[in-house]
Protein backbone atom coordinates (compact mmCIF):
# COMPACT_ATOMS: atom_id res chain seq x y z
CA MET A 1 54.32 107.33 94.04
CA LYS A 2 53.70 109.00 90.67
CA GLY A 3 51.16 106.31 89.79
CA ILE A 4 49.25 106.82 93.04
CA LYS A 5 49.17 110.59 92.53
CA LYS A 6 47.97 110.07 88.96
CA ASP A 7 45.19 107.76 90.20
CA TRP A 8 44.07 110.36 92.74
CA THR A 9 44.04 113.11 90.09
CA THR A 10 41.99 110.92 87.74
CA ILE A 11 39.49 110.06 90.46
CA CYS A 12 39.09 113.76 91.34
CA LYS A 13 38.39 114.60 87.68
CA GLU A 14 35.83 111.80 87.29
CA ILE A 15 34.16 112.20 90.70
CA PRO A 16 34.12 115.89 91.75
CA PHE A 17 32.87 114.98 95.24
CA PHE A 18 36.24 113.31 95.83
CA GLU A 19 38.07 116.66 95.67
CA GLN A 20 37.10 117.36 99.27
CA PHE A 21 39.72 114.81 100.34
CA GLU A 22 43.40 115.71 100.36
CA PHE A 23 45.97 113.58 98.59
CA LYS A 24 47.57 112.62 101.92
CA ASP A 25 44.25 111.10 103.04
CA TYR A 26 43.95 109.12 99.80
CA LEU A 27 47.57 108.03 100.12
CA GLY A 28 46.99 106.74 103.66
CA VAL A 29 44.02 104.65 102.57
CA LYS A 30 45.83 103.42 99.46
CA LEU A 31 48.82 102.31 101.54
CA ILE A 32 46.52 100.43 103.92
CA MET A 33 44.99 98.59 100.97
CA LEU A 34 48.42 97.81 99.50
CA SER A 35 49.86 96.55 102.78
CA ARG A 36 46.86 94.94 104.50
CA GLY A 37 44.53 94.00 101.66
CA PHE A 38 44.41 90.66 99.92
CA ASN A 39 43.08 89.49 96.58
CA PHE A 40 39.97 87.34 96.44
CA GLN A 41 38.13 86.54 93.21
CA GLU A 42 39.76 89.45 91.36
CA GLN A 43 38.85 91.98 94.08
CA LYS A 44 41.00 93.63 96.74
CA LEU A 45 39.53 93.07 100.22
CA LEU A 46 40.29 94.03 103.80
CA ALA A 47 39.63 91.49 106.54
CA PRO A 48 40.40 93.12 109.89
CA TYR A 49 40.15 89.90 111.90
CA GLN A 50 42.38 87.98 109.50
CA ASP A 51 45.50 89.23 111.32
CA MET A 52 44.35 87.61 114.55
CA PHE A 53 44.76 84.21 112.93
CA ASN A 54 48.21 85.00 111.56
CA HIS A 55 50.21 84.64 114.77
CA SER A 56 52.67 81.99 115.84
CA LEU A 57 55.13 81.53 118.66
CA LYS A 58 57.67 80.53 116.02
CA PRO A 59 58.35 83.37 113.52
CA ASN A 60 57.38 82.33 110.00
CA ALA A 61 57.21 85.60 108.07
CA GLU A 62 58.86 86.07 104.71
CA LYS A 63 59.87 89.44 103.25
CA ARG A 64 59.29 90.08 99.55
CA TYR A 65 59.43 93.27 97.55
CA SER A 66 57.97 94.34 94.24
CA PHE A 67 58.72 97.53 92.37
CA GLU A 68 55.67 97.30 90.13
CA ASP A 69 53.32 100.28 90.33
C-alpha cells in the first residue's frame, strides 16, 4: 500500500489538476487495474467484455499471489 500512496503523491506533485481526486478514488481505480487489467505489448489494458468469454461450466480458475509492489 505504501507504494500506491507514494505513486499518488508523486502524480499529485507532477500534475496539480490531479489533486482534486482523493486517495481513496485513486486507490479504487488502481485496484481495478491490478485485478482486472492485463498486459499487452508492454501496456496495461482493460477489456470489459473479456470476462464474458472467461466462463465455463467446469471450474478452471487458479489462485496465485505475488507480494511484489
